[in-house]
Amino acid sequence: MSCQTRIKEQNIPQLWDWLKQNDSQLFLEYQDQPEETCRKIRHQIRRINHLLDCEIIPGKDRHTLIVSPNNVHELFDDVRDIVSRAPQLKYWTITAFRPPRPLNDVENVKGIEYNIDDFRVAATKNPDGRVDLNIGVKNFDQYDYYKLLSAMFRILQKALGEYNVEFRLGKVVLNPLDDKIHTIKLKNLISVFQD
């Protein structure tokens, strides 16, 4: 484990003690100052490891705090451990890993808009449990392959969630769209990863 991915074990109980003591205050504060509340929580989480991240999904009676390894492979097990030690809180649900989320009709990645209907997928499950994706792209020749591939990984992280991208996604290739091969809409791709 590199020094970049080493966690400060002693700061895990401190995080959960702090969150427990500030449970209701942070819940109410989030209503008026969501960015500031997230910044405070992120600061506490990053005392464990500076590469970790968090996200808050607001709810009516409870918010969900997502602790994320921020796509750092070596931190996935640590995040699972950190979250397993979380106390029961009145106003917060604690979870590990960014979940799958519905895609918009148009996804903006680094200032470029991608029409999600321009992509269809052929998926192949491997014996090792990973899923290879052959993604068909409408107007394939209009794109820079490597920029599109980079954008596609961001889109897949949203569509599939952090855990699936890290542990269940296999090889990804981009090709010109062929309606005979590419039959799965990108918006429906998560169904291939649900067991």
Foldseek 3Di string as FASTA:
>chain_A
DDPQQQFDVVLLVVLQVVCQVCVVVLLVVCVPPVVVSLVVSQVSVCNGHVQKHWDWADDDQAIEIEIESNLDLSCQVVQVVSLVPHDDHRHYHYYYWFAADFDDCWDADPNDIDRQQQKFWAWDQDPVQAIEIEIAGAVVVVDDQVVVVVVVLVVCCRHGTDVCSNPHHDHYHYDHDDCVRGPHRSRRVNVVVDD
